[in-house]
């Protein structure tokens, strides 16, 4: 009897907690409890796409450099600068878990900007080599690079928008209440500060002759 009575007492104690959860969980959802984690995951997914597109660009560079080298081997300084910039850009990364770190994000942004600048100089040099500009392999690589730059721009815009939405949830009502009392470890994500036009590789007109 003692065991049965104890079991009954525990059941009576548990019942209010269960009822409370059934009542409170719908209210939490209705009041925007999921707003912060949903926005956070959306921003992290957008950042992953940014990384994917920058990696796609990095993967194109070795073939691009080798192709240019075949026609302009004496442009050693420009070619080496691109190789070095690519190495640095692939070594510096920001994971979705460290998007709140301003120093890490700045290092990533600076390294990618440096690679963009090196690619710009390389493509400017190409203008001096009509045979290279007509090379089918180079034309294919240039088209892929241009397409990747466009995808990078789209991914960056999507990330900036997702971060803006997420950061707003941390400081606007009513989600700020959840940030204050529940999601206390959530911090704003970093975003791009270098203007997008500074990151675009120059368009090279391969149809014109020199």
N, C-alpha and C. Protein backbone atom coordinates (compact mmCIF):
# COMPACT_ATOMS: atom_id res chain seq x y z
N UNK A 1 0.83 -1.20 0.00
CA UNK A 1 0.00 0.00 0.00
C UNK A 1 0.86 1.24 0.00
N UNK A 2 1.96 1.13 0.75
CA UNK A 2 2.81 2.31 0.82
C UNK A 2 3.34 2.68 -0.56
N UNK A 3 3.78 1.68 -1.33
CA UNK A 3 4.30 1.93 -2.67
C UNK A 3 3.23 2.49 -3.57
N UNK A 4 2.01 1.93 -3.46
CA UNK A 4 0.91 2.42 -4.29
C UNK A 4 0.57 3.86 -3.95
N UNK A 5 0.58 4.17 -2.66
CA UNK A 5 0.27 5.53 -2.24
C UNK A 5 1.33 6.50 -2.73
N UNK A 6 2.60 6.06 -2.68
CA UNK A 6 3.69 6.92 -3.14
C UNK A 6 3.58 7.18 -4.63
N UNK A 7 3.24 6.13 -5.39
CA UNK A 7 3.07 6.27 -6.83
C UNK A 7 1.94 7.22 -7.15
N UNK A 8 0.86 7.12 -6.39
CA UNK A 8 -0.29 7.98 -6.60
C UNK A 8 0.06 9.44 -6.30
N UNK A 9 0.85 9.62 -5.26
CA UNK A 9 1.26 10.98 -4.88
C UNK A 9 2.13 11.60 -5.97
N UNK A 10 3.05 10.81 -6.52
CA UNK A 10 3.91 11.31 -7.58
C UNK A 10 3.11 11.67 -8.83
N UNK A 11 2.12 10.85 -9.10
CA UNK A 11 1.27 11.12 -10.27
C UNK A 11 0.53 12.43 -10.10
N UNK A 12 0.05 12.66 -8.87
CA UNK A 12 -0.67 13.91 -8.60
C UNK A 12 0.27 15.10 -8.71
N UNK A 13 1.53 14.91 -8.33
CA UNK A 13 2.49 16.00 -8.42
C UNK A 13 2.91 16.27 -9.87
N UNK A 14 2.95 15.24 -10.67
CA UNK A 14 3.38 15.37 -12.06
C UNK A 14 2.29 15.97 -12.94
N UNK A 15 1.05 15.67 -12.63
CA UNK A 15 -0.07 16.10 -13.46
C UNK A 15 -0.10 17.62 -13.67
N UNK A 16 0.06 18.43 -12.61
CA UNK A 16 0.04 19.89 -12.84
C UNK A 16 1.15 20.34 -13.79
N UNK A 17 2.32 19.71 -13.69
CA UNK A 17 3.42 20.09 -14.56
C UNK A 17 3.11 19.77 -16.01
N UNK A 18 2.50 18.60 -16.23
CA UNK A 18 2.13 18.21 -17.59
C UNK A 18 1.08 19.15 -18.15
N UNK A 19 0.07 19.44 -17.34
CA UNK A 19 -0.97 20.37 -17.77
C UNK A 19 -0.40 21.75 -18.07
N UNK A 20 0.56 22.17 -17.23
CA UNK A 20 1.20 23.47 -17.44
C UNK A 20 1.90 23.52 -18.79
N UNK A 21 2.61 22.44 -19.13
CA UNK A 21 3.33 22.40 -20.40
C UNK A 21 2.36 22.45 -21.57
N UNK A 22 1.25 21.72 -21.46
CA UNK A 22 0.28 21.73 -22.54
C UNK A 22 -0.33 23.12 -22.74
N UNK A 23 -0.48 23.83 -21.65
CA UNK A 23 -1.06 25.17 -21.73
C UNK A 23 -0.05 26.21 -22.18
N UNK A 24 1.19 26.07 -21.71
CA UNK A 24 2.18 27.12 -21.94
C UNK A 24 2.84 27.01 -23.31
N UNK A 25 3.11 25.79 -23.79
CA UNK A 25 3.82 25.65 -25.05
C UNK A 25 3.12 26.34 -26.23
N UNK A 26 1.79 26.18 -26.38
CA UNK A 26 1.13 26.92 -27.46
C UNK A 26 1.26 28.43 -27.30
N UNK A 27 1.24 28.88 -26.05
CA UNK A 27 1.38 30.32 -25.81
C UNK A 27 2.77 30.80 -26.18
N UNK A 28 3.79 29.97 -25.86
CA UNK A 28 5.15 30.34 -26.21
C UNK A 28 5.30 30.49 -27.72
N UNK A 29 4.71 29.54 -28.44
CA UNK A 29 4.78 29.59 -29.89
C UNK A 29 4.05 30.81 -30.43
N UNK A 30 2.88 31.08 -29.89
CA UNK A 30 2.09 32.21 -30.35
C UNK A 30 2.76 33.53 -30.06
N UNK A 31 3.53 33.59 -28.99
CA UNK A 31 4.20 34.83 -28.59
C UNK A 31 5.56 35.01 -29.26
N UNK A 32 5.92 34.14 -30.17
CA UNK A 32 7.16 34.30 -30.91
C UNK A 32 8.38 33.69 -30.27
N UNK A 33 8.18 32.68 -29.44
CA UNK A 33 9.32 32.04 -28.78
C UNK A 33 10.32 31.49 -29.81
N UNK A 34 9.82 31.01 -30.93
CA UNK A 34 10.69 30.41 -31.94
C UNK A 34 11.31 31.43 -32.89
N UNK A 35 10.97 32.69 -32.73
CA UNK A 35 11.45 33.71 -33.66
C UNK A 35 12.96 33.79 -33.68
N UNK A 36 13.58 33.84 -32.51
CA UNK A 36 15.03 34.00 -32.43
C UNK A 36 15.77 32.78 -32.99
N UNK A 37 15.47 31.56 -32.53
CA UNK A 37 16.21 30.41 -33.09
C UNK A 37 15.97 30.21 -34.58
N UNK A 38 14.77 30.54 -35.04
CA UNK A 38 14.48 30.40 -36.48
C UNK A 38 15.31 31.38 -37.29
N UNK A 39 15.36 32.63 -36.85
CA UNK A 39 16.16 33.64 -37.54
C UNK A 39 17.65 33.31 -37.47
N UNK A 40 18.06 32.77 -36.35
CA UNK A 40 19.47 32.41 -36.18
C UNK A 40 19.87 31.32 -37.17
N UNK A 41 19.05 30.29 -37.29
CA UNK A 41 19.37 29.19 -38.21
C UNK A 41 19.33 29.65 -39.66
N UNK A 42 18.43 30.58 -39.97
CA UNK A 42 18.37 31.10 -41.34
C UNK A 42 19.65 31.87 -41.67
N UNK A 43 20.14 32.65 -40.72
CA UNK A 43 21.38 33.40 -40.95
C UNK A 43 22.57 32.46 -41.09
N UNK A 44 22.61 31.42 -40.28
CA UNK A 44 23.71 30.46 -40.37
C UNK A 44 23.69 29.74 -41.72
N UNK A 45 22.51 29.39 -42.19
CA UNK A 45 22.39 28.73 -43.49
C UNK A 45 22.85 29.66 -44.61
N UNK A 46 22.49 30.94 -44.50
CA UNK A 46 22.91 31.92 -45.50
C UNK A 46 24.43 32.06 -45.50
N UNK A 47 25.03 32.01 -44.31
CA UNK A 47 26.49 32.11 -44.24
C UNK A 47 27.16 30.90 -44.87
N UNK A 48 26.60 29.73 -44.68
CA UNK A 48 27.15 28.53 -45.29
C UNK A 48 27.17 28.66 -46.81
N UNK A 49 26.16 29.29 -47.36
CA UNK A 49 26.11 29.49 -48.81
C UNK A 49 27.19 30.49 -49.25
N UNK A 50 27.43 31.51 -48.44
CA UNK A 50 28.52 32.45 -48.73
C UNK A 50 29.84 31.69 -48.81
N UNK A 51 30.10 30.84 -47.83
CA UNK A 51 31.33 30.06 -47.81
C UNK A 51 31.43 29.15 -49.03
N UNK A 52 30.31 28.54 -49.41
CA UNK A 52 30.30 27.65 -50.58
C UNK A 52 30.73 28.39 -51.84
N UNK A 53 30.21 29.59 -52.02
CA UNK A 53 30.51 30.35 -53.24
C UNK A 53 31.95 30.87 -53.24
N UNK A 54 32.44 31.29 -52.10
CA UNK A 54 33.85 31.71 -52.04
C UNK A 54 34.78 30.53 -52.30
N UNK A 55 34.40 29.35 -51.80
CA UNK A 55 35.21 28.16 -52.05
C UNK A 55 35.18 27.79 -53.53
N UNK A 56 34.03 27.97 -54.16
CA UNK A 56 33.91 27.69 -55.60
C UNK A 56 34.90 28.58 -56.37
N UNK A 57 34.98 29.86 -55.95
CA UNK A 57 35.92 30.76 -56.61
C UNK A 57 37.36 30.30 -56.40
N UNK A 58 37.69 29.95 -55.17
CA UNK A 58 39.05 29.49 -54.86
C UNK A 58 39.43 28.27 -55.69
N UNK A 59 38.46 27.39 -55.92
CA UNK A 59 38.73 26.17 -56.68
C UNK A 59 39.04 26.46 -58.15
N UNK A 60 38.57 27.58 -58.67
CA UNK A 60 38.81 27.93 -60.07
C UNK A 60 40.20 28.51 -60.30
N UNK A 61 40.79 29.07 -59.26
CA UNK A 61 42.00 29.87 -59.43
C UNK A 61 43.22 29.08 -59.89
N UNK A 62 43.51 27.88 -59.37
CA UNK A 62 44.70 27.16 -59.84
C UNK A 62 44.71 26.96 -61.35
N UNK A 63 43.59 26.53 -61.94
CA UNK A 63 43.53 26.35 -63.39
C UNK A 63 43.66 27.67 -64.12
N UNK A 64 43.07 28.73 -63.55
CA UNK A 64 43.15 30.05 -64.16
C UNK A 64 44.61 30.51 -64.20
N UNK A 65 45.32 30.35 -63.10
CA UNK A 65 46.72 30.77 -63.03
C UNK A 65 47.57 29.98 -64.01
N UNK A 66 47.36 28.67 -64.08
CA UNK A 66 48.15 27.84 -64.99
C UNK A 66 47.89 28.22 -66.44
N UNK A 67 46.66 28.54 -66.76
CA UNK A 67 46.33 28.93 -68.13
C UNK A 67 47.00 30.24 -68.50
N UNK A 68 46.93 31.20 -67.61
CA UNK A 68 47.56 32.50 -67.86
C UNK A 68 49.07 32.33 -67.96
N UNK A 69 49.63 31.49 -67.11
CA UNK A 69 51.08 31.27 -67.10
C UNK A 69 51.57 30.76 -68.45
N UNK A 70 50.74 29.98 -69.12
CA UNK A 70 51.14 29.44 -70.42
C UNK A 70 51.34 30.51 -71.47
N UNK A 71 50.73 31.66 -71.31
CA UNK A 71 50.84 32.75 -72.27
C UNK A 71 51.61 33.95 -71.72
N UNK A 72 51.66 34.06 -70.41
CA UNK A 72 52.27 35.25 -69.80
C UNK A 72 53.11 34.85 -68.60
N UNK A 73 54.04 33.93 -68.83
CA UNK A 73 54.85 33.41 -67.72
C UNK A 73 55.68 34.50 -67.06
N UNK A 74 56.06 35.54 -67.82
CA UNK A 74 56.90 36.59 -67.25
C UNK A 74 56.12 37.54 -66.35
N UNK A 75 54.80 37.38 -66.28
CA UNK A 75 53.99 38.17 -65.33
C UNK A 75 54.03 37.47 -63.96
N UNK A 76 55.25 37.15 -63.56
CA UNK A 76 55.46 36.33 -62.38
C UNK A 76 54.89 36.96 -61.11
N UNK A 77 55.13 38.25 -60.93
CA UNK A 77 54.69 38.92 -59.71
C UNK A 77 53.17 38.88 -59.56
N UNK A 78 52.46 39.10 -60.66
CA UNK A 78 50.99 39.10 -60.62
C UNK A 78 50.46 37.71 -60.32
N UNK A 79 51.05 36.71 -60.96
CA UNK A 79 50.62 35.33 -60.76
C UNK A 79 50.90 34.87 -59.33
N UNK A 80 52.07 35.19 -58.82
CA UNK A 80 52.41 34.80 -57.45
C UNK A 80 51.52 35.49 -56.43
N UNK A 81 51.13 36.72 -56.73
CA UNK A 81 50.25 37.46 -55.81
C UNK A 81 48.89 36.79 -55.71
N UNK A 82 48.39 36.30 -56.84
CA UNK A 82 47.10 35.61 -56.84
C UNK A 82 47.19 34.31 -56.05
N UNK A 83 48.27 33.55 -56.27
CA UNK A 83 48.45 32.29 -55.55
C UNK A 83 48.54 32.53 -54.04
N UNK A 84 49.30 33.56 -53.65
CA UNK A 84 49.45 33.87 -52.23
C UNK A 84 48.13 34.34 -51.62
N UNK A 85 47.39 35.16 -52.36
CA UNK A 85 46.12 35.66 -51.86
C UNK A 85 45.11 34.53 -51.71
N UNK A 86 45.14 33.58 -52.66
CA UNK A 86 44.24 32.42 -52.55
C UNK A 86 44.58 31.59 -51.32
N UNK A 87 45.88 31.38 -51.08
CA UNK A 87 46.30 30.58 -49.92
C UNK A 87 45.82 31.23 -48.63
N UNK A 88 45.96 32.53 -48.55
CA UNK A 88 45.52 33.24 -47.34
C UNK A 88 44.00 33.16 -47.18
N UNK A 89 43.29 33.35 -48.28
CA UNK A 89 41.82 33.35 -48.23
C UNK A 89 41.27 31.99 -47.81
N UNK A 90 41.93 30.92 -48.24
CA UNK A 90 41.43 29.58 -47.89
C UNK A 90 41.80 29.18 -46.47
N UNK A 91 42.77 29.88 -45.89
CA UNK A 91 43.19 29.57 -44.52
C UNK A 91 42.34 30.30 -43.47
N UNK A 92 41.75 31.41 -43.88
CA UNK A 92 40.96 32.22 -42.96
C UNK A 92 39.48 31.92 -43.19
N UNK A 93 38.81 31.42 -42.19
CA UNK A 93 37.39 31.11 -42.34
C UNK A 93 36.64 31.47 -41.08
N UNK A 94 35.33 31.56 -41.22
CA UNK A 94 34.44 31.84 -40.09
C UNK A 94 33.35 30.79 -40.13
N UNK A 95 33.25 29.99 -39.08
CA UNK A 95 32.21 28.97 -39.02
C UNK A 95 30.91 29.60 -38.56
N UNK A 96 29.79 28.94 -38.81
CA UNK A 96 28.50 29.48 -38.32
C UNK A 96 28.50 29.71 -36.81
N UNK A 97 29.35 28.94 -36.10
CA UNK A 97 29.39 29.06 -34.64
C UNK A 97 30.20 30.28 -34.17
N UNK A 98 30.99 30.88 -35.06
CA UNK A 98 31.82 32.03 -34.66
C UNK A 98 31.44 33.31 -35.39
N UNK A 99 30.21 33.37 -35.86
CA UNK A 99 29.76 34.56 -36.58
C UNK A 99 29.62 35.79 -35.68
N UNK A 100 29.72 35.59 -34.38
CA UNK A 100 29.61 36.73 -33.46
C UNK A 100 30.97 37.38 -33.20
N UNK A 101 32.04 36.81 -33.73
CA UNK A 101 33.39 37.29 -33.46
C UNK A 101 33.79 38.35 -34.48
N UNK A 102 33.86 39.63 -34.10
CA UNK A 102 34.18 40.68 -35.07
C UNK A 102 35.58 40.56 -35.65
N UNK A 103 36.54 40.11 -34.87
CA UNK A 103 37.91 39.98 -35.36
C UNK A 103 38.03 38.88 -36.41
N UNK A 104 37.38 37.75 -36.15
CA UNK A 104 37.41 36.65 -37.10
C UNK A 104 36.72 37.05 -38.40
N UNK A 105 35.60 37.74 -38.27
CA UNK A 105 34.86 38.13 -39.47
C UNK A 105 35.65 39.15 -40.29
N UNK A 106 36.31 40.09 -39.62
CA UNK A 106 37.12 41.09 -40.33
C UNK A 106 38.28 40.43 -41.05
N UNK A 107 38.92 39.46 -40.40
CA UNK A 107 40.03 38.75 -41.03
C UNK A 107 39.55 38.02 -42.28
N UNK A 108 38.38 37.40 -42.20
CA UNK A 108 37.82 36.71 -43.36
C UNK A 108 37.52 37.70 -44.48
N UNK A 109 36.87 38.79 -44.13
CA UNK A 109 36.50 39.78 -45.13
C UNK A 109 37.73 40.39 -45.80
N UNK A 110 38.77 40.67 -45.01
CA UNK A 110 39.99 41.25 -45.55
C UNK A 110 40.70 40.28 -46.49
N UNK A 111 40.72 39.00 -46.11
CA UNK A 111 41.41 38.02 -46.95
C UNK A 111 40.69 37.83 -48.29
N UNK A 112 39.37 37.81 -48.26
CA UNK A 112 38.62 37.68 -49.51
C UNK A 112 38.76 38.92 -50.37
N UNK A 113 38.79 40.08 -49.72
CA UNK A 113 38.99 41.33 -50.45
C UNK A 113 40.36 41.36 -51.12
N UNK A 114 41.37 40.83 -50.41
CA UNK A 114 42.71 40.77 -50.98
C UNK A 114 42.76 39.87 -52.19
N UNK A 115 42.05 38.75 -52.14
CA UNK A 115 42.01 37.84 -53.28
C UNK A 115 41.30 38.50 -54.45
N UNK A 116 40.23 39.21 -54.18
CA UNK A 116 39.50 39.91 -55.23
C UNK A 116 40.40 40.93 -55.92
N UNK A 117 41.16 41.67 -55.13
CA UNK A 117 42.07 42.67 -55.70
C UNK A 117 43.13 42.02 -56.58
N UNK A 118 43.67 40.88 -56.14
CA UNK A 118 44.68 40.17 -56.93
C UNK A 118 44.10 39.65 -58.24
N UNK A 119 42.89 39.14 -58.17
CA UNK A 119 42.23 38.67 -59.40
C UNK A 119 41.97 39.83 -60.35
N UNK A 120 41.62 40.97 -59.82
CA UNK A 120 41.38 42.15 -60.66
C UNK A 120 42.64 42.53 -61.42
N UNK A 121 43.79 42.49 -60.73
CA UNK A 121 45.05 42.83 -61.40
C UNK A 121 45.41 41.79 -62.46
N UNK A 122 45.13 40.53 -62.14
CA UNK A 122 45.42 39.47 -63.11
C UNK A 122 44.58 39.64 -64.38
N UNK A 123 43.32 39.90 -64.23
CA UNK A 123 42.45 40.04 -65.39
C UNK A 123 42.77 41.29 -66.18
N UNK A 124 43.29 42.31 -65.50
CA UNK A 124 43.71 43.52 -66.22
C UNK A 124 44.93 43.22 -67.09
N UNK A 125 45.84 42.39 -66.57
CA UNK A 125 47.04 42.01 -67.32
C UNK A 125 46.66 41.21 -68.56
N UNK A 126 45.62 40.41 -68.46
CA UNK A 126 45.19 39.57 -69.58
C UNK A 126 44.88 40.41 -70.82
N UNK A 127 44.46 41.63 -70.62
CA UNK A 127 44.13 42.51 -71.74
C UNK A 127 45.30 42.70 -72.69
N UNK A 128 46.51 42.49 -72.19
CA UNK A 128 47.70 42.69 -73.02
C UNK A 128 48.08 41.46 -73.84
N UNK A 129 47.25 40.39 -73.75
CA UNK A 129 47.59 39.14 -74.42
C UNK A 129 46.41 38.64 -75.24
N UNK A 130 46.33 39.11 -76.50
CA UNK A 130 45.20 38.72 -77.37
C UNK A 130 45.06 37.21 -77.55
N UNK A 131 46.18 36.51 -77.65
CA UNK A 131 46.10 35.05 -77.85
C UNK A 131 45.50 34.38 -76.62
N UNK A 132 45.86 34.86 -75.46
CA UNK A 132 45.30 34.31 -74.23
C UNK A 132 43.81 34.59 -74.16
N UNK A 133 43.41 35.80 -74.52
CA UNK A 133 42.00 36.17 -74.49
C UNK A 133 41.16 35.31 -75.43
N UNK A 134 41.78 34.77 -76.43
CA UNK A 134 41.06 33.94 -77.40
C UNK A 134 41.12 32.45 -77.05
N UNK A 135 41.92 32.11 -76.04
CA UNK A 135 42.06 30.71 -75.65
C UNK A 135 40.75 30.18 -75.08
N UNK A 136 40.30 29.04 -75.62
CA UNK A 136 38.99 28.50 -75.22
C UNK A 136 38.97 28.09 -73.76
N UNK A 137 40.05 27.53 -73.27
CA UNK A 137 40.10 27.13 -71.87
C UNK A 137 40.00 28.36 -70.97
N UNK A 138 40.71 29.42 -71.35
CA UNK A 138 40.65 30.63 -70.55
C UNK A 138 39.26 31.26 -70.60
N UNK A 139 38.64 31.27 -71.77
CA UNK A 139 37.30 31.82 -71.90
C UNK A 139 36.31 31.07 -71.01
N UNK A 140 36.46 29.74 -70.96
CA UNK A 140 35.57 28.94 -70.11
C UNK A 140 35.80 29.26 -68.64
N UNK A 141 37.06 29.39 -68.24
CA UNK A 141 37.36 29.71 -66.85
C UNK A 141 36.87 31.11 -66.49
N UNK A 142 37.04 32.04 -67.41
CA UNK A 142 36.58 33.40 -67.15
C UNK A 142 35.06 33.45 -66.97
N UNK A 143 34.34 32.68 -67.79
CA UNK A 143 32.89 32.63 -67.69
C UNK A 143 32.47 32.02 -66.35
N UNK A 144 33.17 30.97 -65.93
CA UNK A 144 32.87 30.35 -64.64
C UNK A 144 33.17 31.31 -63.49
N UNK A 145 34.26 32.05 -63.61
CA UNK A 145 34.62 33.01 -62.58
C UNK A 145 33.60 34.12 -62.47
N UNK A 146 33.16 34.61 -63.63
CA UNK A 146 32.16 35.67 -63.63
C UNK A 146 30.85 35.18 -63.01
N UNK A 147 30.46 33.96 -63.37
CA UNK A 147 29.25 33.39 -62.79
C UNK A 147 29.37 33.21 -61.29
N UNK A 148 30.54 32.81 -60.84
CA UNK A 148 30.77 32.63 -59.40
C UNK A 148 30.72 33.96 -58.68
N UNK A 149 31.29 35.01 -59.29
CA UNK A 149 31.23 36.33 -58.67
C UNK A 149 29.78 36.79 -58.50
N UNK A 150 28.95 36.48 -59.48
CA UNK A 150 27.54 36.84 -59.38
C UNK A 150 26.86 36.07 -58.25
N UNK A 151 27.21 34.78 -58.11
CA UNK A 151 26.62 33.98 -57.04
C UNK A 151 27.11 34.46 -55.67
N UNK A 152 28.37 34.89 -55.62
CA UNK A 152 28.89 35.45 -54.37
C UNK A 152 28.09 36.68 -53.97
N UNK A 153 27.82 37.54 -54.95
CA UNK A 153 27.07 38.76 -54.66
C UNK A 153 25.67 38.45 -54.13
N UNK A 154 25.02 37.45 -54.74
CA UNK A 154 23.68 37.05 -54.28
C UNK A 154 23.75 36.46 -52.88
N UNK A 155 24.73 35.60 -52.64
CA UNK A 155 24.87 34.97 -51.32
C UNK A 155 25.16 36.01 -50.26
N UNK A 156 25.97 36.98 -50.58
CA UNK A 156 26.27 38.05 -49.62
C UNK A 156 25.02 38.84 -49.28
N UNK A 157 24.23 39.18 -50.30
CA UNK A 157 23.00 39.95 -50.06
C UNK A 157 22.02 39.15 -49.20
N UNK A 158 21.90 37.85 -49.50
CA UNK A 158 21.00 37.01 -48.71
C UNK A 158 21.46 36.93 -47.26
N UNK A 159 22.77 36.83 -47.07
CA UNK A 159 23.30 36.76 -45.71
C UNK A 159 23.08 38.07 -44.96
N UNK A 160 23.36 39.18 -45.62
CA UNK A 160 23.17 40.49 -44.98
C UNK A 160 21.72 40.66 -44.54
N UNK A 161 20.79 40.25 -45.39
CA UNK A 161 19.37 40.36 -45.05
C UNK A 161 19.01 39.44 -43.89
N UNK A 162 19.52 38.20 -43.93
CA UNK A 162 19.22 37.25 -42.86
C UNK A 162 19.78 37.72 -41.52
N UNK A 163 20.98 38.29 -41.54
CA UNK A 163 21.59 38.79 -40.31
C UNK A 163 20.83 39.99 -39.78
N UNK A 164 20.39 40.85 -40.67
CA UNK A 164 19.61 42.00 -40.24
C UNK A 164 18.34 41.54 -39.52
N UNK A 165 17.67 40.55 -40.09
CA UNK A 165 16.46 40.03 -39.45
C UNK A 165 16.77 39.41 -38.09
N UNK A 166 17.84 38.61 -38.05
CA UNK A 166 18.20 37.95 -36.79
C UNK A 166 18.59 38.97 -35.72
N UNK A 167 19.44 39.91 -36.08
CA UNK A 167 19.88 40.91 -35.11
C UNK A 167 18.70 41.75 -34.59
N UNK A 168 17.73 41.99 -35.46
CA UNK A 168 16.56 42.74 -35.02
C UNK A 168 15.74 41.98 -33.99
N UNK A 169 15.71 40.64 -34.12
CA UNK A 169 14.93 39.86 -33.15
C UNK A 169 15.52 39.98 -31.75
N UNK A 170 16.81 40.30 -31.66
CA UNK A 170 17.46 40.40 -30.35
C UNK A 170 17.21 41.73 -29.65
N UNK A 171 16.65 42.69 -30.39
CA UNK A 171 16.48 44.01 -29.76
C UNK A 171 15.13 44.67 -30.03
N UNK A 172 14.20 43.96 -30.65
CA UNK A 172 12.88 44.53 -30.90
C UNK A 172 11.81 43.72 -30.18
N UNK A 173 10.75 44.38 -29.80
CA UNK A 173 9.64 43.74 -29.09
C UNK A 173 8.77 42.97 -30.07
N UNK A 174 8.25 41.79 -29.70
CA UNK A 174 8.32 41.16 -28.37
C UNK A 174 9.49 40.19 -28.21
N UNK A 175 10.22 39.89 -29.32
CA UNK A 175 11.26 38.87 -29.24
C UNK A 175 12.40 39.28 -28.31
N UNK A 176 12.56 40.58 -28.07
CA UNK A 176 13.61 41.02 -27.14
C UNK A 176 13.37 40.46 -25.74
N UNK A 177 12.13 40.18 -25.41
CA UNK A 177 11.83 39.59 -24.11
C UNK A 177 12.42 38.19 -24.00
N UNK A 178 12.31 37.43 -25.10
CA UNK A 178 12.89 36.09 -25.11
C UNK A 178 14.41 36.18 -25.06
N UNK A 179 14.98 37.17 -25.74
CA UNK A 179 16.43 37.35 -25.72
C UNK A 179 16.92 37.71 -24.33
N UNK A 180 16.12 38.47 -23.59
CA UNK A 180 16.51 38.94 -22.27
C UNK A 180 16.40 37.85 -21.21
N UNK A 181 15.32 37.06 -21.30
CA UNK A 181 15.06 36.10 -20.23
C UNK A 181 15.33 34.65 -20.59
N UNK A 182 15.47 34.35 -21.88
CA UNK A 182 15.61 32.95 -22.27
C UNK A 182 16.87 32.72 -23.11
N UNK A 183 16.99 33.42 -24.23
CA UNK A 183 18.14 33.23 -25.12
C UNK A 183 19.25 34.21 -24.74
N UNK A 184 19.70 34.08 -23.51
CA UNK A 184 20.64 35.06 -22.97
C UNK A 184 22.04 34.95 -23.58
N UNK A 185 22.35 33.82 -24.18
CA UNK A 185 23.67 33.65 -24.78
C UNK A 185 23.73 34.07 -26.24
N UNK A 186 22.59 34.40 -26.82
CA UNK A 186 22.57 34.81 -28.23
C UNK A 186 23.13 36.21 -28.38
N UNK A 187 24.02 36.38 -29.34
CA UNK A 187 24.62 37.67 -29.63
C UNK A 187 24.42 38.01 -31.10
N UNK A 188 24.47 39.29 -31.45
CA UNK A 188 24.32 39.68 -32.87
C UNK A 188 25.42 39.07 -33.73
N UNK A 189 25.07 38.76 -34.97
CA UNK A 189 26.05 38.25 -35.92
C UNK A 189 26.75 39.42 -36.61
N UNK A 190 27.96 39.17 -37.06
CA UNK A 190 28.70 40.16 -37.84
C UNK A 190 28.21 40.13 -39.28
N UNK A 191 28.42 41.25 -39.97
CA UNK A 191 28.02 41.30 -41.37
C UNK A 191 29.06 42.06 -42.17
N UNK A 192 28.93 42.07 -43.49
CA UNK A 192 29.92 42.69 -44.35
C UNK A 192 29.91 44.21 -44.23
N UNK A 193 31.10 44.77 -44.20
CA UNK A 193 31.23 46.23 -44.13
C UNK A 193 31.89 46.80 -45.37
N UNK A 194 32.65 45.95 -46.11
CA UNK A 194 33.26 46.42 -47.35
C UNK A 194 32.19 46.49 -48.42
N UNK A 195 32.04 47.64 -49.11
CA UNK A 195 31.00 47.77 -50.14
C UNK A 195 31.11 46.68 -51.19
N UNK A 196 29.98 46.22 -51.67
CA UNK A 196 29.95 45.11 -52.62
C UNK A 196 30.69 45.44 -53.90
N UNK A 197 30.63 46.71 -54.35
CA UNK A 197 31.28 47.05 -55.60
C UNK A 197 32.81 46.94 -55.49
N UNK A 198 33.34 46.94 -54.27
CA UNK A 198 34.77 46.78 -54.07
C UNK A 198 35.18 45.32 -54.25
N UNK A 199 34.21 44.41 -54.24
CA UNK A 199 34.52 42.99 -54.29
C UNK A 199 34.33 42.39 -55.68
N UNK A 200 33.81 43.14 -56.62
CA UNK A 200 33.54 42.59 -57.94
C UNK A 200 34.79 42.59 -58.80
N UNK A 201 35.06 41.48 -59.46
CA UNK A 201 36.16 41.47 -60.41
C UNK A 201 35.74 42.26 -61.64
N UNK A 202 36.70 42.95 -62.28
CA UNK A 202 36.35 43.77 -63.44
C UNK A 202 35.87 42.91 -64.60
N UNK A 203 34.94 43.41 -65.35
CA UNK A 203 34.47 42.70 -66.53
C UNK A 203 35.47 42.92 -67.66
N UNK A 204 35.96 41.83 -68.22
CA UNK A 204 36.94 41.91 -69.29
C UNK A 204 36.24 41.63 -70.62
N UNK A 205 36.37 42.52 -71.57
CA UNK A 205 35.72 42.36 -72.87
C UNK A 205 36.62 41.53 -73.76
N UNK A 206 36.34 40.25 -73.85
CA UNK A 206 37.19 39.37 -74.62
C UNK A 206 36.87 39.42 -76.11
N UNK A 207 35.85 40.19 -76.45
CA UNK A 207 35.51 40.30 -77.86
C UNK A 207 36.34 41.35 -78.58
N UNK A 208 37.01 42.22 -77.83
CA UNK A 208 37.78 43.29 -78.47
C UNK A 208 39.20 42.85 -78.67
N UNK A 209 39.82 43.31 -79.70
CA UNK A 209 41.20 42.97 -79.97
C UNK A 209 42.12 44.09 -79.58
N UNK A 210 43.43 43.78 -79.44
CA UNK A 210 44.43 44.79 -79.09
C UNK A 210 45.36 45.03 -80.29
